[in-house]
Amino acid sequence: MRGGLLPYFFIMLSETIRELILRTIEAALPEAYVLDLNLRRGKQNVLIIKADTDQGITLDQCADISRKVGYVLETEPEMDFPYVLEVSSPGVGFPLTLHRQYVKNIGRNLKVTRNDLTQVSGVLTAVGEGGIQLSPLADPGKKPKKASEPEETLVSVTFADIREAVVFI
């Protein structure tokens, strides 16, 4: 789950409901992991579940999770108000928070904001236990390098130094 404070329109689900939802998802799709689980209150209440798998979650898998979670929550007294259940993948632009997400996104463009608020972007080339490596992006305005010119160096960032990491296109 993402850290930090939620906007005022997000209401925290009770730990009982959170655990019930997580157990239901684990039973329905053991390879899935939940990245975000929130209840947005307003004119239309929306229970938002962002889930994924290491291979990428499919629309059918999201629909299956939605059906099973919806069925389980129908009998919960705590959820006795109208709401829409929204199950989806996190999508591009959703911050990476788990090691397995970094591994899944090797080869993709990544923008990293460090704890000191400096930013670095590049192609995610490697993921280790302690951090990641980025290869600088090619500058479209630059002339191609000659074979004799040195390769640009990889940028290493430790997980402890990452404030936010987002895949971009």
C-alpha atoms as a PDB file:
ATOM      1  CA  MET A   1       0.000   0.000   0.000  1.00  0.00           C
ATOM      2  CA  ARG A   2       1.201   3.474  -0.721  1.00  0.00           C
ATOM      3  CA  GLY A   3       2.274   5.486   2.284  1.00  0.00           C
ATOM      4  CA  GLY A   4       1.455   9.028   3.282  1.00  0.00           C
ATOM      5  CA  LEU A   5      -1.751  10.843   4.009  1.00  0.00           C
ATOM      6  CA  LEU A   6      -4.811  10.227   1.879  1.00  0.00           C
ATOM      7  CA  PRO A   7      -6.978  13.075   0.631  1.00  0.00           C
ATOM      8  CA  TYR A   8     -10.000  13.895   2.790  1.00  0.00           C
ATOM      9  CA  PHE A   9     -12.409  11.982   0.542  1.00  0.00           C
ATOM     10  CA  PHE A  10     -10.646   8.678   1.187  1.00  0.00           C
ATOM     11  CA  ILE A  11     -12.013   6.844   4.208  1.00  0.00           C
ATOM     12  CA  MET A  12      -9.934   4.157   5.807  1.00  0.00           C
ATOM     13  CA  LEU A  13     -11.430   0.706   5.625  1.00  0.00           C
ATOM     14  CA  SER A  14     -11.438  -1.219   8.875  1.00  0.00           C
ATOM     15  CA  GLU A  15      -8.668  -3.758   9.277  1.00  0.00           C
ATOM     16  CA  THR A  16     -11.325  -6.493   9.317  1.00  0.00           C
ATOM     17  CA  ILE A  17     -12.676  -5.482   5.891  1.00  0.00           C
ATOM     18  CA  ARG A  18      -9.168  -4.987   4.477  1.00  0.00           C
ATOM     19  CA  GLU A  19      -8.131  -8.471   5.611  1.00  0.00           C
ATOM     20  CA  LEU A  20     -11.342  -9.999   4.262  1.00  0.00           C
ATOM     21  CA  ILE A  21     -10.734  -8.416   0.863  1.00  0.00           C
ATOM     22  CA  LEU A  22      -7.079  -9.474   0.785  1.00  0.00           C
ATOM     23  CA  ARG A  23      -7.926 -13.075   1.775  1.00  0.00           C
ATOM     24  CA  THR A  24     -10.646 -13.218  -0.881  1.00  0.00           C
ATOM     25  CA  ILE A  25      -8.241 -11.988  -3.576  1.00  0.00           C
ATOM     26  CA  GLU A  26      -5.558 -14.440  -2.468  1.00  0.00           C
ATOM     27  CA  ALA A  27      -8.051 -17.309  -2.689  1.00  0.00           C
ATOM     28  CA  ALA A  28      -9.368 -16.153  -6.085  1.00  0.00           C
ATOM     29  CA  LEU A  29      -5.978 -15.437  -7.660  1.00  0.00           C
ATOM     30  CA  PRO A  30      -2.991 -16.563  -5.541  1.00  0.00           C
ATOM     31  CA  GLU A  31      -0.433 -14.934  -7.876  1.00  0.00           C
ATOM     32  CA  ALA A  32      -2.029 -11.497  -7.497  1.00  0.00           C
ATOM     33  CA  TYR A  33      -0.796  -8.777  -5.183  1.00  0.00           C
ATOM     34  CA  VAL A  34      -2.714  -5.687  -4.086  1.00  0.00           C
ATOM     35  CA  LEU A  35      -1.055  -2.309  -4.505  1.00  0.00           C
ATOM     36  CA  ASP A  36      -3.865  -0.019  -3.435  1.00  0.00           C
ATOM     37  CA  LEU A  37      -7.081  -0.582  -1.500  1.00  0.00           C
ATOM     38  CA  ASN A  38      -9.185   2.444  -0.588  1.00  0.00           C
ATOM     39  CA  LEU A  39     -12.741   3.601  -0.164  1.00  0.00           C
ATOM     40  CA  ARG A  40     -13.445   6.987  -1.765  1.00  0.00           C
ATOM     41  CA  ARG A  41     -16.539   8.581  -0.257  1.00  0.00           C
ATOM     42  CA  GLY A  42     -18.629  11.156  -2.035  1.00  0.00           C
ATOM     43  CA  LYS A  43     -21.777  11.412  -4.168  1.00  0.00           C
ATOM     44  CA  GLN A  44     -20.838   7.964  -5.367  1.00  0.00           C
ATOM     45  CA  ASN A  45     -18.813   5.803  -2.984  1.00  0.00           C
ATOM     46  CA  VAL A  46     -16.097   3.826  -4.770  1.00  0.00           C
ATOM     47  CA  LEU A  47     -14.132   0.913  -3.333  1.00  0.00           C
ATOM     48  CA  ILE A  48     -10.893   0.955  -5.332  1.00  0.00           C
ATOM     49  CA  ILE A  49      -8.667  -2.111  -5.641  1.00  0.00           C
ATOM     50  CA  LYS A  50      -5.468  -1.901  -7.703  1.00  0.00           C
ATOM     51  CA  ALA A  51      -4.065  -5.393  -8.227  1.00  0.00           C
ATOM     52  CA  ASP A  52      -1.404  -6.935 -10.421  1.00  0.00           C
ATOM     53  CA  THR A  53       0.548 -10.121 -11.105  1.00  0.00           C
ATOM     54  CA  ASP A  54       4.155 -10.617 -12.146  1.00  0.00           C
ATOM     55  CA  GLN A  55       2.965 -11.276 -15.708  1.00  0.00           C
ATOM     56  CA  GLY A  56       0.445  -8.418 -15.712  1.00  0.00           C
ATOM     57  CA  ILE A  57      -3.155  -8.790 -14.640  1.00  0.00           C
ATOM     58  CA  THR A  58      -5.796  -9.417 -17.292  1.00  0.00           C
ATOM     59  CA  LEU A  59      -9.260  -7.945 -17.617  1.00  0.00           C
ATOM     60  CA  ASP A  60     -10.749 -11.389 -16.928  1.00  0.00           C
ATOM     61  CA  GLN A  61      -8.710 -11.673 -13.723  1.00  0.00           C
ATOM     62  CA  CYS A  62      -9.892  -8.227 -12.584  1.00  0.00           C
ATOM     63  CA  ALA A  63     -13.504  -9.225 -13.313  1.00  0.00           C
ATOM     64  CA  ASP A  64     -13.071 -12.467 -11.350  1.00  0.00           C
ATOM     65  CA  ILE A  65     -11.652 -10.583  -8.356  1.00  0.00           C
ATOM     66  CA  SER A  66     -14.493  -8.064  -8.580  1.00  0.00           C
ATOM     67  CA  ARG A  67     -17.169 -10.787  -8.575  1.00  0.00           C
ATOM     68  CA  LYS A  68     -15.651 -12.663  -5.644  1.00  0.00           C
ATOM     69  CA  VAL A  69     -14.934  -9.591  -3.504  1.00  0.00           C
ATOM     70  CA  GLY A  70     -18.393  -8.192  -4.277  1.00  0.00           C
ATOM     71  CA  TYR A  71     -20.047 -11.454  -3.259  1.00  0.00           C
ATOM     72  CA  VAL A  72     -18.132 -11.618   0.035  1.00  0.00           C
ATOM     73  CA  LEU A  73     -18.847  -7.976   0.909  1.00  0.00           C
ATOM     74  CA  GLU A  74     -22.608  -8.296   0.267  1.00  0.00           C
ATOM     75  CA  THR A  75     -23.097  -9.807   3.728  1.00  0.00           C
ATOM     76  CA  GLU A  76     -20.765  -7.468   5.619  1.00  0.00           C
ATOM     77  CA  PRO A  77     -22.717  -5.117   7.915  1.00  0.00           C
ATOM     78  CA  GLU A  78     -19.896  -2.565   7.749  1.00  0.00           C
ATOM     79  CA  MET A  79     -20.453  -2.247   3.982  1.00  0.00           C
ATOM     80  CA  ASP A  80     -24.223  -1.627   4.196  1.00  0.00           C
ATOM     81  CA  PHE A  81     -24.132   1.505   2.054  1.00  0.00           C
ATOM     82  CA  PRO A  82     -24.175   1.872  -1.743  1.00  0.00           C
ATOM     83  CA  TYR A  83     -20.774   1.728  -3.409  1.00  0.00           C
ATOM     84  CA  VAL A  84     -19.165   0.846  -6.717  1.00  0.00           C
ATOM     85  CA  LEU A  85     -16.428  -1.756  -6.695  1.00  0.00           C
ATOM     86  CA  GLU A  86     -13.590  -0.844  -9.066  1.00  0.00           C
ATOM     87  CA  VAL A  87     -10.863  -3.452  -9.664  1.00  0.00           C
ATOM     88  CA  SER A  88      -8.072  -2.582 -12.094  1.00  0.00           C
ATOM     89  CA  SER A  89      -4.365  -2.791 -12.765  1.00  0.00           C
ATOM     90  CA  PRO A  90      -2.230   0.064 -11.461  1.00  0.00           C
ATOM     91  CA  GLY A  91      -1.295   1.181 -14.981  1.00  0.00           C
ATOM     92  CA  VAL A  92       1.550   3.349 -16.217  1.00  0.00           C
ATOM     93  CA  GLY A  93       2.179   6.290 -13.921  1.00  0.00           C
ATOM     94  CA  PHE A  94       1.234   4.439 -10.730  1.00  0.00           C
ATOM     95  CA  PRO A  95       4.275   4.479  -8.401  1.00  0.00           C
ATOM     96  CA  LEU A  96       6.270   1.279  -8.029  1.00  0.00           C
ATOM     97  CA  THR A  97       6.349   0.159  -4.401  1.00  0.00           C
ATOM     98  CA  LEU A  98       7.320  -3.522  -4.449  1.00  0.00           C
ATOM     99  CA  HIS A  99      10.575  -5.197  -5.520  1.00  0.00           C
ATOM    100  CA  ARG A 100       8.617  -7.485  -7.844  1.00  0.00           C
ATOM    101  CA  GLN A 101       7.201  -4.448  -9.684  1.00  0.00           C
ATOM    102  CA  TYR A 102      10.706  -3.229 -10.472  1.00  0.00           C
ATOM    103  CA  VAL A 103      11.677  -6.679 -11.783  1.00  0.00           C
ATOM    104  CA  LYS A 104       8.526  -6.789 -13.921  1.00  0.00           C
ATOM    105  CA  ASN A 105       9.414  -3.416 -15.478  1.00  0.00           C
ATOM    106  CA  ILE A 106      13.037  -4.094 -16.508  1.00  0.00           C
ATOM    107  CA  GLY A 107      13.548  -2.589 -19.952  1.00  0.00           C
ATOM    108  CA  ARG A 108      10.975   0.184 -19.481  1.00  0.00           C
ATOM    109  CA  ASN A 109      11.504   3.918 -18.973  1.00  0.00           C
ATOM    110  CA  LEU A 110      11.526   4.900 -15.312  1.00  0.00           C
ATOM    111  CA  LYS A 111      11.510   8.308 -13.612  1.00  0.00           C
ATOM    112  CA  VAL A 112      12.885   8.206 -10.084  1.00  0.00           C
ATOM    113  CA  THR A 113      12.495  10.951  -7.517  1.00  0.00           C
ATOM    114  CA  ARG A 114      15.062  10.582  -4.777  1.00  0.00           C
ATOM    115  CA  ASN A 115      14.493  11.490  -1.136  1.00  0.00           C
ATOM    116  CA  ASP A 116      16.439  14.729  -1.698  1.00  0.00           C
ATOM    117  CA  LEU A 117      13.888  15.515  -4.488  1.00  0.00           C
ATOM    118  CA  THR A 118      16.437  15.212  -7.309  1.00  0.00           C
ATOM    119  CA  GLN A 119      15.210  13.226 -10.265  1.00  0.00           C
ATOM    120  CA  VAL A 120      16.806  10.766 -12.625  1.00  0.00           C
ATOM    121  CA  SER A 121      15.246   9.075 -15.640  1.00  0.00           C
ATOM    122  CA  GLY A 122      16.399   6.194 -17.741  1.00  0.00           C
ATOM    123  CA  VAL A 123      15.760   2.679 -18.889  1.00  0.00           C
ATOM    124  CA  LEU A 124      15.538   0.275 -15.955  1.00  0.00           C
ATOM    125  CA  THR A 125      18.318  -2.197 -16.741  1.00  0.00           C
ATOM    126  CA  ALA A 126      18.819  -4.121 -13.506  1.00  0.00           C
ATOM    127  CA  VAL A 127      17.184  -4.729 -10.135  1.00  0.00           C
ATOM    128  CA  GLY A 128      19.116  -6.045  -7.157  1.00  0.00           C
ATOM    129  CA  GLU A 129      18.318  -6.639  -3.519  1.00  0.00           C
ATOM    130  CA  GLY A 130      19.409  -3.130  -2.547  1.00  0.00           C
ATOM    131  CA  GLY A 131      18.480  -1.016  -5.531  1.00  0.00           C
ATOM    132  CA  ILE A 132      18.198  -0.455  -9.251  1.00  0.00           C
ATOM    133  CA  GLN A 133      20.291   0.577 -12.241  1.00  0.00           C
ATOM    134  CA  LEU A 134      19.164   2.956 -14.961  1.00  0.00           C
ATOM    135  CA  SER A 135      20.706   3.476 -18.353  1.00  0.00           C
ATOM    136  CA  PRO A 136      20.460   7.122 -19.431  1.00  0.00           C
ATOM    137  CA  LEU A 137      17.911   7.774 -22.162  1.00  0.00           C
ATOM    138  CA  ALA A 138      19.198   8.646 -25.601  1.00  0.00           C
ATOM    139  CA  ASP A 139      18.873  12.337 -26.365  1.00  0.00           C
ATOM    140  CA  PRO A 140      17.019  12.624 -29.696  1.00  0.00           C
ATOM    141  CA  GLY A 141      18.858  15.885 -30.488  1.00  0.00           C
ATOM    142  CA  LYS A 142      22.310  14.362 -30.048  1.00  0.00           C
ATOM    143  CA  LYS A 143      24.380  12.953 -32.853  1.00  0.00           C
ATOM    144  CA  PRO A 144      24.922   9.178 -32.667  1.00  0.00           C
ATOM    145  CA  LYS A 145      28.054   8.163 -30.782  1.00  0.00           C
ATOM    146  CA  LYS A 146      31.136   6.946 -32.536  1.00  0.00           C
ATOM    147  CA  ALA A 147      32.404   3.499 -31.635  1.00  0.00           C
ATOM    148  CA  SER A 148      35.457   5.095 -30.010  1.00  0.00           C
ATOM    149  CA  GLU A 149      33.353   7.210 -27.603  1.00  0.00           C
ATOM    150  CA  PRO A 150      32.791   5.780 -24.123  1.00  0.00           C
ATOM    151  CA  GLU A 151      29.362   4.447 -23.196  1.00  0.00           C
ATOM    152  CA  GLU A 152      27.322   6.584 -20.803  1.00  0.00           C
ATOM    153  CA  THR A 153      27.549   5.222 -17.299  1.00  0.00           C
ATOM    154  CA  LEU A 154      24.690   3.480 -15.557  1.00  0.00           C
ATOM    155  CA  VAL A 155      23.016   5.287 -12.678  1.00  0.00           C
ATOM    156  CA  SER A 156      22.523   3.276  -9.490  1.00  0.00           C
ATOM    157  CA  VAL A 157      19.849   4.198  -6.960  1.00  0.00           C
ATOM    158  CA  THR A 158      19.283   2.358  -3.686  1.00  0.00           C
ATOM    159  CA  PHE A 159      15.728   1.478  -2.692  1.00  0.00           C
ATOM    160  CA  ALA A 160      16.262   3.431   0.540  1.00  0.00           C
ATOM    161  CA  ASP A 161      16.925   6.560  -1.552  1.00  0.00           C
ATOM    162  CA  ILE A 162      13.809   6.230  -3.740  1.00  0.00           C
ATOM    163  CA  ARG A 163      10.968   8.536  -2.783  1.00  0.00           C
ATOM    164  CA  GLU A 164       8.910   7.611  -5.879  1.00  0.00           C
ATOM    165  CA  ALA A 165       9.515   5.631  -9.054  1.00  0.00           C
ATOM    166  CA  VAL A 166       7.116   5.788 -11.996  1.00  0.00           C
ATOM    167  CA  VAL A 167       7.141   4.056 -15.378  1.00  0.00           C
ATOM    168  CA  PHE A 168       6.605   6.439 -18.286  1.00  0.00           C
ATOM    169  CA  ILE A 169       6.187   6.127 -22.033  1.00  0.00           C
END
